[in-house]
Every structure is written in C-alpha cells, then in structure tokens.
C-alpha cells in the first residue's frame, strides 16, 4: 500500500519546479504521460547589467526575446558534440562574425 501523503508531497514538489503547457495539463488530467523533454523549468539568473544589456541587444538583432537566445546558448553549450549543430546556432554564429568584422 502506498503512502498518499508522501505521494502528494512528491507531486507538489515536482510541480513547484516544472511547468507544463496547456496541452500537457489537459493530457495529464486525462492520464496521458507527459514527455520529459517538453517540461520547461523557470529559473532566476543574476547577471551584471552590461552583460544583460548585451544579451538584449543580440536578441533584438535576431528578433527574439532575451530568454530565447539565452536558452539557445545554454542548449548549444550542453549539446552533444557528435550531434549536428542546429541551424539557428550556425545563423547566430554568422551574425556574430559579421558584426565583429563590421566593428
């Protein structure tokens, strides 16, 4: 027999650190499993103002939100070196290269 109190605590702890899309919430309510890759976690990050200003500038250049470009950079840094490089990363590298040459 399981301890329902412990189960509830584990579930509460999980959802305090994980976010689900509306579709995933609906699927979970219907008993369907949720893919771990689709769960997004919100975190707080403290950066020096000049660093965040540069992140915002680069995001503006690319037409994305600062959080999107930061997520891309982190995912790229953690990517398996045997995996192909995402096109968005190549595009960002080309933009950075052109920017530096123009300066």
PDB file of N, CA and C in Angstrom:
ATOM      1  N   UNK A   1       0.848  -1.182   0.000  1.00  0.00           N
ATOM      2  CA  UNK A   1       0.000   0.000   0.000  1.00  0.00           C
ATOM      3  C   UNK A   1       0.893   1.245   0.000  1.00  0.00           C
ATOM      4  N   UNK A   2       0.522   2.257  -0.751  1.00  0.00           N
ATOM      5  CA  UNK A   2       1.344   3.465  -0.839  1.00  0.00           C
ATOM      6  C   UNK A   2       0.900   4.494   0.183  1.00  0.00           C
ATOM      7  N   UNK A   3       1.830   5.372   0.519  1.00  0.00           N
ATOM      8  CA  UNK A   3       1.567   6.464   1.452  1.00  0.00           C
ATOM      9  C   UNK A   3       1.088   7.659   0.635  1.00  0.00           C
ATOM     10  N   UNK A   4      -0.211   7.926   0.665  1.00  0.00           N
ATOM     11  CA  UNK A   4      -0.777   9.017  -0.143  1.00  0.00           C
ATOM     12  C   UNK A   4      -0.200  10.371   0.227  1.00  0.00           C
ATOM     13  N   UNK A   5       0.135  10.583   1.490  1.00  0.00           N
ATOM     14  CA  UNK A   5       0.743  11.854   1.906  1.00  0.00           C
ATOM     15  C   UNK A   5       2.089  12.065   1.237  1.00  0.00           C
ATOM     16  N   UNK A   6       2.902  11.011   1.182  1.00  0.00           N
ATOM     17  CA  UNK A   6       4.213  11.100   0.526  1.00  0.00           C
ATOM     18  C   UNK A   6       4.043  11.297  -0.973  1.00  0.00           C
ATOM     19  N   UNK A   7       3.049  10.611  -1.556  1.00  0.00           N
ATOM     20  CA  UNK A   7       2.782  10.788  -2.989  1.00  0.00           C
ATOM     21  C   UNK A   7       2.402  12.223  -3.293  1.00  0.00           C
ATOM     22  N   UNK A   8       1.524  12.786  -2.487  1.00  0.00           N
ATOM     23  CA  UNK A   8       1.102  14.169  -2.703  1.00  0.00           C
ATOM     24  C   UNK A   8       2.266  15.142  -2.544  1.00  0.00           C
ATOM     25  N   UNK A   9       3.123  14.901  -1.567  1.00  0.00           N
ATOM     26  CA  UNK A   9       4.295  15.755  -1.373  1.00  0.00           C
ATOM     27  C   UNK A   9       5.226  15.685  -2.584  1.00  0.00           C
ATOM     28  N   UNK A  10       5.432  14.482  -3.107  1.00  0.00           N
ATOM     29  CA  UNK A  10       6.299  14.318  -4.283  1.00  0.00           C
ATOM     30  C   UNK A  10       5.700  15.033  -5.490  1.00  0.00           C
ATOM     31  N   UNK A  11       4.401  14.919  -5.669  1.00  0.00           N
ATOM     32  CA  UNK A  11       3.733  15.596  -6.785  1.00  0.00           C
ATOM     33  C   UNK A  11       3.835  17.106  -6.619  1.00  0.00           C
ATOM     34  N   UNK A  12       3.584  17.612  -5.425  1.00  0.00           N
ATOM     35  CA  UNK A  12       3.664  19.054  -5.170  1.00  0.00           C
ATOM     36  C   UNK A  12       5.073  19.569  -5.418  1.00  0.00           C
ATOM     37  N   UNK A  13       6.078  18.832  -4.961  1.00  0.00           N
ATOM     38  CA  UNK A  13       7.466  19.240  -5.177  1.00  0.00           C
ATOM     39  C   UNK A  13       7.802  19.278  -6.671  1.00  0.00           C
ATOM     40  N   UNK A  14       7.332  18.286  -7.395  1.00  0.00           N
ATOM     41  CA  UNK A  14       7.580  18.241  -8.836  1.00  0.00           C
ATOM     42  C   UNK A  14       7.004  19.473  -9.525  1.00  0.00           C
ATOM     43  N   UNK A  15       5.760  19.806  -9.236  1.00  0.00           N
ATOM     44  CA  UNK A  15       5.112  20.913  -9.936  1.00  0.00           C
ATOM     45  C   UNK A  15       5.549  22.282  -9.432  1.00  0.00           C
ATOM     46  N   UNK A  16       6.258  22.335  -8.326  1.00  0.00           N
ATOM     47  CA  UNK A  16       6.864  23.598  -7.889  1.00  0.00           C
ATOM     48  C   UNK A  16       8.076  23.936  -8.740  1.00  0.00           C
ATOM     49  N   UNK A  17       8.661  22.949  -9.384  1.00  0.00           N
ATOM     50  CA  UNK A  17       9.876  23.172 -10.176  1.00  0.00           C
ATOM     51  C   UNK A  17       9.694  22.891 -11.664  1.00  0.00           C
ATOM     52  N   UNK A  18       8.517  22.516 -12.099  1.00  0.00           N
ATOM     53  CA  UNK A  18       8.269  22.196 -13.500  1.00  0.00           C
ATOM     54  C   UNK A  18       7.029  22.940 -13.982  1.00  0.00           C
ATOM     55  N   UNK A  19       7.048  23.324 -15.243  1.00  0.00           N
ATOM     56  CA  UNK A  19       5.891  23.968 -15.851  1.00  0.00           C
ATOM     57  C   UNK A  19       5.422  23.117 -17.027  1.00  0.00           C
ATOM     58  N   UNK A  20       4.125  23.102 -17.237  1.00  0.00           N
ATOM     59  CA  UNK A  20       3.551  22.359 -18.347  1.00  0.00           C
ATOM     60  C   UNK A  20       2.762  23.301 -19.239  1.00  0.00           C
ATOM     61  N   UNK A  21       2.714  22.979 -20.521  1.00  0.00           N
ATOM     62  CA  UNK A  21       1.872  23.735 -21.435  1.00  0.00           C
ATOM     63  C   UNK A  21       0.421  23.362 -21.164  1.00  0.00           C
ATOM     64  N   UNK A  22      -0.493  24.140 -21.702  1.00  0.00           N
ATOM     65  CA  UNK A  22      -1.916  23.853 -21.512  1.00  0.00           C
ATOM     66  C   UNK A  22      -2.275  22.475 -22.059  1.00  0.00           C
ATOM     67  N   UNK A  23      -1.716  22.122 -23.215  1.00  0.00           N
ATOM     68  CA  UNK A  23      -1.981  20.800 -23.794  1.00  0.00           C
ATOM     69  C   UNK A  23      -1.479  19.681 -22.886  1.00  0.00           C
ATOM     70  N   UNK A  24      -0.318  19.898 -22.270  1.00  0.00           N
ATOM     71  CA  UNK A  24       0.240  18.878 -21.379  1.00  0.00           C
ATOM     72  C   UNK A  24      -0.597  18.738 -20.113  1.00  0.00           C
ATOM     73  N   UNK A  25      -1.139  19.855 -19.618  1.00  0.00           N
ATOM     74  CA  UNK A  25      -2.012  19.794 -18.442  1.00  0.00           C
ATOM     75  C   UNK A  25      -3.253  18.983 -18.787  1.00  0.00           C
ATOM     76  N   UNK A  26      -3.822  19.263 -19.963  1.00  0.00           N
ATOM     77  CA  UNK A  26      -5.016  18.520 -20.389  1.00  0.00           C
ATOM     78  C   UNK A  26      -4.697  17.030 -20.540  1.00  0.00           C
ATOM     79  N   UNK A  27      -3.551  16.713 -21.115  1.00  0.00           N
ATOM     80  CA  UNK A  27      -3.158  15.316 -21.290  1.00  0.00           C
ATOM     81  C   UNK A  27      -2.968  14.640 -19.935  1.00  0.00           C
ATOM     82  N   UNK A  28      -2.330  15.356 -18.998  1.00  0.00           N
ATOM     83  CA  UNK A  28      -2.093  14.794 -17.663  1.00  0.00           C
ATOM     84  C   UNK A  28      -3.408  14.539 -16.946  1.00  0.00           C
ATOM     85  N   UNK A  29      -4.377  15.446 -17.131  1.00  0.00           N
ATOM     86  CA  UNK A  29      -5.681  15.263 -16.498  1.00  0.00           C
ATOM     87  C   UNK A  29      -6.392  14.038 -17.055  1.00  0.00           C
ATOM     88  N   UNK A  30      -6.084  13.692 -18.308  1.00  0.00           N
ATOM     89  CA  UNK A  30      -6.710  12.532 -18.933  1.00  0.00           C
ATOM     90  C   UNK A  30      -5.879  11.271 -18.722  1.00  0.00           C
ATOM     91  N   UNK A  31      -4.814  11.378 -17.937  1.00  0.00           N
ATOM     92  CA  UNK A  31      -3.998  10.221 -17.607  1.00  0.00           C
ATOM     93  C   UNK A  31      -2.931   9.892 -18.625  1.00  0.00           C
ATOM     94  N   UNK A  32      -2.718  10.767 -19.615  1.00  0.00           N
ATOM     95  CA  UNK A  32      -1.696  10.523 -20.622  1.00  0.00           C
ATOM     96  C   UNK A  32      -0.331  10.946 -20.092  1.00  0.00           C
ATOM     97  N   UNK A  33       0.723  10.208 -20.432  1.00  0.00           N
ATOM     98  CA  UNK A  33       2.066  10.592 -19.956  1.00  0.00           C
ATOM     99  C   UNK A  33       2.559  11.875 -20.639  1.00  0.00           C
ATOM    100  N   UNK A  34       3.392  12.630 -19.934  1.00  0.00           N
ATOM    101  CA  UNK A  34       3.976  13.868 -20.451  1.00  0.00           C
ATOM    102  C   UNK A  34       5.455  13.617 -20.716  1.00  0.00           C
ATOM    103  N   UNK A  35       5.914  13.951 -21.922  1.00  0.00           N
ATOM    104  CA  UNK A  35       7.320  13.737 -22.280  1.00  0.00           C
ATOM    105  C   UNK A  35       8.212  14.671 -21.469  1.00  0.00           C
ATOM    106  N   UNK A  36       9.273  14.135 -20.891  1.00  0.00           N
ATOM    107  CA  UNK A  36      10.185  14.918 -20.060  1.00  0.00           C
ATOM    108  C   UNK A  36      10.809  16.064 -20.848  1.00  0.00           C
ATOM    109  N   UNK A  37      11.053  15.866 -22.160  1.00  0.00           N
ATOM    110  CA  UNK A  37      11.689  16.901 -22.976  1.00  0.00           C
ATOM    111  C   UNK A  37      10.810  18.130 -23.122  1.00  0.00           C
ATOM    112  N   UNK A  38       9.508  17.987 -22.942  1.00  0.00           N
ATOM    113  CA  UNK A  38       8.604  19.111 -23.146  1.00  0.00           C
ATOM    114  C   UNK A  38       8.365  19.915 -21.874  1.00  0.00           C
ATOM    115  N   UNK A  39       8.835  19.432 -20.749  1.00  0.00           N
ATOM    116  CA  UNK A  39       8.658  20.153 -19.493  1.00  0.00           C
ATOM    117  C   UNK A  39       9.702  21.268 -19.412  1.00  0.00           C
ATOM    118  N   UNK A  40       9.237  22.489 -19.178  1.00  0.00           N
ATOM    119  CA  UNK A  40      10.129  23.642 -19.061  1.00  0.00           C
ATOM    120  C   UNK A  40      10.189  24.053 -17.591  1.00  0.00           C
ATOM    121  N   UNK A  41      11.371  24.425 -17.137  1.00  0.00           N
ATOM    122  CA  UNK A  41      11.573  24.859 -15.755  1.00  0.00           C
ATOM    123  C   UNK A  41      11.984  26.319 -15.775  1.00  0.00           C
ATOM    124  N   UNK A  42      11.358  27.103 -14.929  1.00  0.00           N
ATOM    125  CA  UNK A  42      11.704  28.506 -14.811  1.00  0.00           C
ATOM    126  C   UNK A  42      12.775  28.649 -13.738  1.00  0.00           C
ATOM    127  N   UNK A  43      13.773  29.466 -14.037  1.00  0.00           N
ATOM    128  CA  UNK A  43      14.835  29.702 -13.075  1.00  0.00           C
ATOM    129  C   UNK A  43      15.185  31.179 -13.068  1.00  0.00           C
ATOM    130  N   UNK A  44      15.775  31.620 -12.006  1.00  0.00           N
ATOM    131  CA  UNK A  44      16.200  33.005 -11.889  1.00  0.00           C
ATOM    132  C   UNK A  44      17.708  33.066 -12.107  1.00  0.00           C
ATOM    133  N   UNK A  45      18.144  34.079 -12.814  1.00  0.00           N
ATOM    134  CA  UNK A  45      19.559  34.216 -13.137  1.00  0.00           C
ATOM    135  C   UNK A  45      19.979  35.660 -12.919  1.00  0.00           C
ATOM    136  N   UNK A  46      21.001  35.872 -12.129  1.00  0.00           N
ATOM    137  CA  UNK A  46      21.503  37.221 -11.876  1.00  0.00           C
ATOM    138  C   UNK A  46      22.708  37.463 -12.778  1.00  0.00           C
ATOM    139  N   UNK A  47      22.633  38.538 -13.557  1.00  0.00           N
ATOM    140  CA  UNK A  47      23.716  38.908 -14.459  1.00  0.00           C
ATOM    141  C   UNK A  47      24.081  40.369 -14.244  1.00  0.00           C
ATOM    142  N   UNK A  48      25.344  40.709 -14.458  1.00  0.00           N
ATOM    143  CA  UNK A  48      25.708  42.130 -14.403  1.00  0.00           C
ATOM    144  C   UNK A  48      24.936  42.889 -15.488  1.00  0.00           C
ATOM    145  N   UNK A  49      24.565  44.124 -15.206  1.00  0.00           N
ATOM    146  CA  UNK A  49      23.777  44.923 -16.144  1.00  0.00           C
ATOM    147  C   UNK A  49      24.401  44.989 -17.534  1.00  0.00           C
ATOM    148  N   UNK A  50      25.720  45.234 -17.661  1.00  0.00           N
ATOM    149  CA  UNK A  50      26.288  45.291 -19.012  1.00  0.00           C
ATOM    150  C   UNK A  50      26.131  43.976 -19.787  1.00  0.00           C
ATOM    151  N   UNK A  51      26.197  42.860 -19.085  1.00  0.00           N
ATOM    152  CA  UNK A  51      26.027  41.558 -19.731  1.00  0.00           C
ATOM    153  C   UNK A  51      24.589  41.414 -20.226  1.00  0.00           C
ATOM    154  N   UNK A  52      23.618  41.758 -19.378  1.00  0.00           N
ATOM    155  CA  UNK A  52      22.216  41.643 -19.779  1.00  0.00           C
ATOM    156  C   UNK A  52      21.888  42.622 -20.898  1.00  0.00           C
ATOM    157  N   UNK A  53      22.482  43.794 -20.865  1.00  0.00           N
ATOM    158  CA  UNK A  53      22.286  44.761 -21.954  1.00  0.00           C
ATOM    159  C   UNK A  53      22.757  44.172 -23.282  1.00  0.00           C
ATOM    160  N   UNK A  54      23.882  43.476 -23.256  1.00  0.00           N
ATOM    161  CA  UNK A  54      24.412  42.858 -24.472  1.00  0.00           C
ATOM    162  C   UNK A  54      23.525  41.698 -24.931  1.00  0.00           C
ATOM    163  N   UNK A  55      23.016  40.926 -23.987  1.00  0.00           N
ATOM    164  CA  UNK A  55      22.091  39.845 -24.329  1.00  0.00           C
ATOM    165  C   UNK A  55      20.863  40.429 -25.012  1.00  0.00           C
ATOM    166  N   UNK A  56      20.312  41.500 -24.442  1.00  0.00           N
ATOM    167  CA  UNK A  56      19.130  42.140 -25.039  1.00  0.00           C
ATOM    168  C   UNK A  56      19.437  42.662 -26.439  1.00  0.00           C
ATOM    169  N   UNK A  57      20.608  43.259 -26.613  1.00  0.00           N
ATOM    170  CA  UNK A  57      20.993  43.809 -27.914  1.00  0.00           C
ATOM    171  C   UNK A  57      21.060  42.689 -28.958  1.00  0.00           C
ATOM    172  N   UNK A  58      21.724  41.600 -28.584  1.00  0.00           N
ATOM    173  CA  UNK A  58      21.862  40.483 -29.522  1.00  0.00           C
ATOM    174  C   UNK A  58      20.512  39.843 -29.830  1.00  0.00           C
ATOM    175  N   UNK A  59      19.660  39.757 -28.831  1.00  0.00           N
ATOM    176  CA  UNK A  59      18.327  39.201 -29.044  1.00  0.00           C
ATOM    177  C   UNK A  59      17.532  40.096 -29.995  1.00  0.00           C
ATOM    178  N   UNK A  60      17.634  41.401 -29.806  1.00  0.00           N
ATOM    179  CA  UNK A  60      16.955  42.351 -30.692  1.00  0.00           C
ATOM    180  C   UNK A  60      17.418  42.192 -32.136  1.00  0.00           C
ATOM    181  N   UNK A  61      18.733  42.035 -32.317  1.00  0.00           N
ATOM    182  CA  UNK A  61      19.296  41.826 -33.659  1.00  0.00           C
ATOM    183  C   UNK A  61      18.698  40.601 -34.334  1.00  0.00           C
ATOM    184  N   UNK A  62      18.468  39.576 -33.556  1.00  0.00           N
ATOM    185  CA  UNK A  62      17.952  38.318 -34.099  1.00  0.00           C
ATOM    186  C   UNK A  62      16.430  38.273 -34.130  1.00  0.00           C
ATOM    187  N   UNK A  63      15.782  39.269 -33.502  1.00  0.00           N
ATOM    188  CA  UNK A  63      14.325  39.301 -33.482  1.00  0.00           C
ATOM    189  C   UNK A  63      13.709  38.278 -32.551  1.00  0.00           C
ATOM    190  N   UNK A  64      14.424  37.972 -31.454  1.00  0.00           N
ATOM    191  CA  UNK A  64      13.905  37.022 -30.465  1.00  0.00           C
ATOM    192  C   UNK A  64      13.957  37.668 -29.084  1.00  0.00           C
ATOM    193  N   UNK A  65      13.328  37.022 -28.127  1.00  0.00           N
ATOM    194  CA  UNK A  65      13.367  37.508 -26.751  1.00  0.00           C
ATOM    195  C   UNK A  65      14.706  37.131 -26.119  1.00  0.00           C
ATOM    196  N   UNK A  66      15.166  37.928 -25.151  1.00  0.00           N
ATOM    197  CA  UNK A  66      16.430  37.595 -24.475  1.00  0.00           C
ATOM    198  C   UNK A  66      16.426  36.191 -23.873  1.00  0.00           C
ATOM    199  N   UNK A  67      15.315  35.772 -23.293  1.00  0.00           N
ATOM    200  CA  UNK A  67      15.269  34.434 -22.691  1.00  0.00           C
ATOM    201  C   UNK A  67      15.418  33.347 -23.749  1.00  0.00           C
ATOM    202  N   UNK A  68      14.900  33.587 -24.951  1.00  0.00           N
ATOM    203  CA  UNK A  68      15.007  32.589 -26.020  1.00  0.00           C
ATOM    204  C   UNK A  68      16.455  32.435 -26.468  1.00  0.00           C
ATOM    205  N   UNK A  69      17.159  33.549 -26.609  1.00  0.00           N
ATOM    206  CA  UNK A  69      18.554  33.469 -27.058  1.00  0.00           C
ATOM    207  C   UNK A  69      19.436  32.866 -25.960  1.00  0.00           C
ATOM    208  N   UNK A  70      19.141  33.185 -24.706  1.00  0.00           N
ATOM    209  CA  UNK A  70      19.913  32.601 -23.605  1.00  0.00           C
ATOM    210  C   UNK A  70      19.685  31.094 -23.539  1.00  0.00           C
ATOM    211  N   UNK A  71      18.433  30.659 -23.714  1.00  0.00           N
ATOM    212  CA  UNK A  71      18.135  29.220 -23.716  1.00  0.00           C
ATOM    213  C   UNK A  71      18.885  28.539 -24.850  1.00  0.00           C
ATOM    214  N   UNK A  72      18.905  29.176 -26.027  1.00  0.00           N
ATOM    215  CA  UNK A  72      19.612  28.607 -27.174  1.00  0.00           C
ATOM    216  C   UNK A  72      21.096  28.459 -26.878  1.00  0.00           C
ATOM    217  N   UNK A  73      21.688  29.497 -26.286  1.00  0.00           N
ATOM    218  CA  UNK A  73      23.119  29.440 -25.955  1.00  0.00           C
ATOM    219  C   UNK A  73      23.414  28.328 -24.962  1.00  0.00           C
ATOM    220  N   UNK A  74      22.581  28.196 -23.949  1.00  0.00           N
ATOM    221  CA  UNK A  74      22.793  27.152 -22.934  1.00  0.00           C
ATOM    222  C   UNK A  74      22.642  25.770 -23.559  1.00  0.00           C
ATOM    223  N   UNK A  75      21.596  25.596 -24.355  1.00  0.00           N
ATOM    224  CA  UNK A  75      21.397  24.303 -25.011  1.00  0.00           C
ATOM    225  C   UNK A  75      22.570  23.977 -25.934  1.00  0.00           C
ATOM    226  N   UNK A  76      23.076  24.975 -26.630  1.00  0.00           N
ATOM    227  CA  UNK A  76      24.222  24.757 -27.516  1.00  0.00           C
ATOM    228  C   UNK A  76      25.461  24.358 -26.730  1.00  0.00           C
ATOM    229  N   UNK A  77      25.665  25.010 -25.593  1.00  0.00           N
ATOM    230  CA  UNK A  77      26.833  24.705 -24.772  1.00  0.00           C
ATOM    231  C   UNK A  77      26.768  23.284 -24.220  1.00  0.00           C
ATOM    232  N   UNK A  78      25.569  22.789 -24.018  1.00  0.00           N
ATOM    233  CA  UNK A  78      25.399  21.449 -23.448  1.00  0.00           C
ATOM    234  C   UNK A  78      25.209  20.365 -24.499  1.00  0.00           C
ATOM    235  N   UNK A  79      25.143  20.768 -25.753  1.00  0.00           N
ATOM    236  CA  UNK A  79      24.850  19.816 -26.835  1.00  0.00           C
ATOM    237  C   UNK A  79      25.944  18.772 -26.951  1.00  0.00           C
ATOM    238  N   UNK A  80      25.526  17.603 -27.336  1.00  0.00           N
ATOM    239  CA  UNK A  80      26.448  16.505 -27.607  1.00  0.00           C
ATOM    240  C   UNK A  80      27.271  16.873 -28.838  1.00  0.00           C
ATOM    241  N   UNK A  81      28.571  16.797 -28.733  1.00  0.00           N
ATOM    242  CA  UNK A  81      29.437  17.195 -29.843  1.00  0.00           C
ATOM    243  C   UNK A  81      29.290  16.299 -31.060  1.00  0.00           C
ATOM    244  N   UNK A  82      28.736  15.106 -30.878  1.00  0.00           N
ATOM    245  CA  UNK A  82      28.512  14.209 -32.007  1.00  0.00           C
ATOM    246  C   UNK A  82      27.214  14.526 -32.747  1.00  0.00           C
ATOM    247  N   UNK A  83      26.367  15.370 -32.149  1.00  0.00           N
ATOM    248  CA  UNK A  83      25.103  15.753 -32.765  1.00  0.00           C
ATOM    249  C   UNK A  83      25.336  16.867 -33.776  1.00  0.00           C
ATOM    250  N   UNK A  84      24.510  16.969 -34.798  1.00  0.00           N
ATOM    251  CA  UNK A  84      24.635  18.083 -35.745  1.00  0.00           C
ATOM    252  C   UNK A  84      24.333  19.410 -35.047  1.00  0.00           C
ATOM    253  N   UNK A  85      24.969  20.466 -35.490  1.00  0.00           N
ATOM    254  CA  UNK A  85      24.748  21.787 -34.915  1.00  0.00           C
ATOM    255  C   UNK A  85      23.434  22.336 -35.462  1.00  0.00           C
ATOM    256  N   UNK A  86      22.532  22.823 -34.578  1.00  0.00           N
ATOM    257  CA  UNK A  86      21.265  23.383 -35.061  1.00  0.00           C
ATOM    258  C   UNK A  86      21.508  24.574 -35.990  1.00  0.00           C
ATOM    259  N   UNK A  87      20.671  24.712 -37.004  1.00  0.00           N
ATOM    260  CA  UNK A  87      20.812  25.795 -37.965  1.00  0.00           C
ATOM    261  C   UNK A  87      20.759  27.156 -37.285  1.00  0.00           C
ATOM    262  N   UNK A  88      19.929  27.288 -36.250  1.00  0.00           N
ATOM    263  CA  UNK A  88      19.813  28.578 -35.554  1.00  0.00           C
ATOM    264  C   UNK A  88      21.135  28.970 -34.897  1.00  0.00           C
ATOM    265  N   UNK A  89      21.896  27.996 -34.457  1.00  0.00           N
ATOM    266  CA  UNK A  89      23.196  28.283 -33.854  1.00  0.00           C
ATOM    267  C   UNK A  89      24.182  28.738 -34.926  1.00  0.00           C
ATOM    268  N   UNK A  90      24.137  28.093 -36.072  1.00  0.00           N
ATOM    269  CA  UNK A  90      25.016  28.490 -37.185  1.00  0.00           C
ATOM    270  C   UNK A  90      24.674  29.909 -37.624  1.00  0.00           C
ATOM    271  N   UNK A  91      23.383  30.197 -37.731  1.00  0.00           N
ATOM    272  CA  UNK A  91      22.938  31.538 -38.116  1.00  0.00           C
ATOM    273  C   UNK A  91      23.420  32.578 -37.112  1.00  0.00           C
ATOM    274  N   UNK A  92      23.324  32.266 -35.841  1.00  0.00           N
ATOM    275  CA  UNK A  92      23.778  33.196 -34.803  1.00  0.00           C
ATOM    276  C   UNK A  92      25.285  33.408 -34.893  1.00  0.00           C
ATOM    277  N   UNK A  93      26.029  32.357 -35.170  1.00  0.00           N
ATOM    278  CA  UNK A  93      27.485  32.481 -35.290  1.00  0.00           C
ATOM    279  C   UNK A  93      27.858  33.346 -36.487  1.00  0.00           C
ATOM    280  N   UNK A  94      27.150  33.182 -37.592  1.00  0.00           N
ATOM    281  CA  UNK A  94      27.407  34.001 -38.775  1.00  0.00           C
ATOM    282  C   UNK A  94      27.109  35.463 -38.478  1.00  0.00           C
ATOM    283  N   UNK A  95      25.982  35.733 -37.806  1.00  0.00           N
ATOM    284  CA  UNK A  95      25.623  37.114 -37.453  1.00  0.00           C
ATOM    285  C   UNK A  95      26.681  37.730 -36.546  1.00  0.00           C
ATOM    286  N   UNK A  96      27.149  36.962 -35.573  1.00  0.00           N
ATOM    287  CA  UNK A  96      28.193  37.448 -34.659  1.00  0.00           C
ATOM    288  C   UNK A  96      29.477  37.723 -35.422  1.00  0.00           C
ATOM    289  N   UNK A  97      29.863  36.843 -36.304  1.00  0.00           N
ATOM    290  CA  UNK A  97      31.071  37.012 -37.109  1.00  0.00           C
ATOM    291  C   UNK A  97      30.989  38.284 -37.966  1.00  0.00           C
ATOM    292  N   UNK A  98      29.846  38.480 -38.620  1.00  0.00           N
ATOM    293  CA  UNK A  98      29.653  39.680 -39.441  1.00  0.00           C
ATOM    294  C   UNK A  98      29.698  40.938 -38.603  1.00  0.00           C
ATOM    295  N   UNK A  99      29.101  40.883 -37.438  1.00  0.00           N
ATOM    296  CA  UNK A  99      29.091  42.043 -36.542  1.00  0.00           C
ATOM    297  C   UNK A  99      30.519  42.416 -36.123  1.00  0.00           C
ATOM    298  N   UNK A 100      31.297  41.418 -35.770  1.00  0.00           N
ATOM    299  CA  UNK A 100      32.680  41.678 -35.332  1.00  0.00           C
ATOM    300  C   UNK A 100      33.536  42.210 -36.473  1.00  0.00           C
ATOM    301  N   UNK A 101      33.322  41.712 -37.677  1.00  0.00           N
ATOM    302  CA  UNK A 101      34.085  42.203 -38.840  1.00  0.00           C
ATOM    303  C   UNK A 101      33.719  43.637 -39.175  1.00  0.00           C
ATOM    304  N   UNK A 102      32.464  43.993 -38.959  1.00  0.00           N
ATOM    305  CA  UNK A 102      31.992  45.343 -39.263  1.00  0.00           C
ATOM    306  C   UNK A 102      32.478  46.354 -38.233  1.00  0.00           C
ATOM    307  N   UNK A 103      32.821  45.886 -37.049  1.00  0.00           N
ATOM    308  CA  UNK A 103      33.253  46.805 -35.965  1.00  0.00           C
ATOM    309  C   UNK A 103      34.660  47.293 -36.145  1.00  0.00           C
TER     310      UNK A 103
END
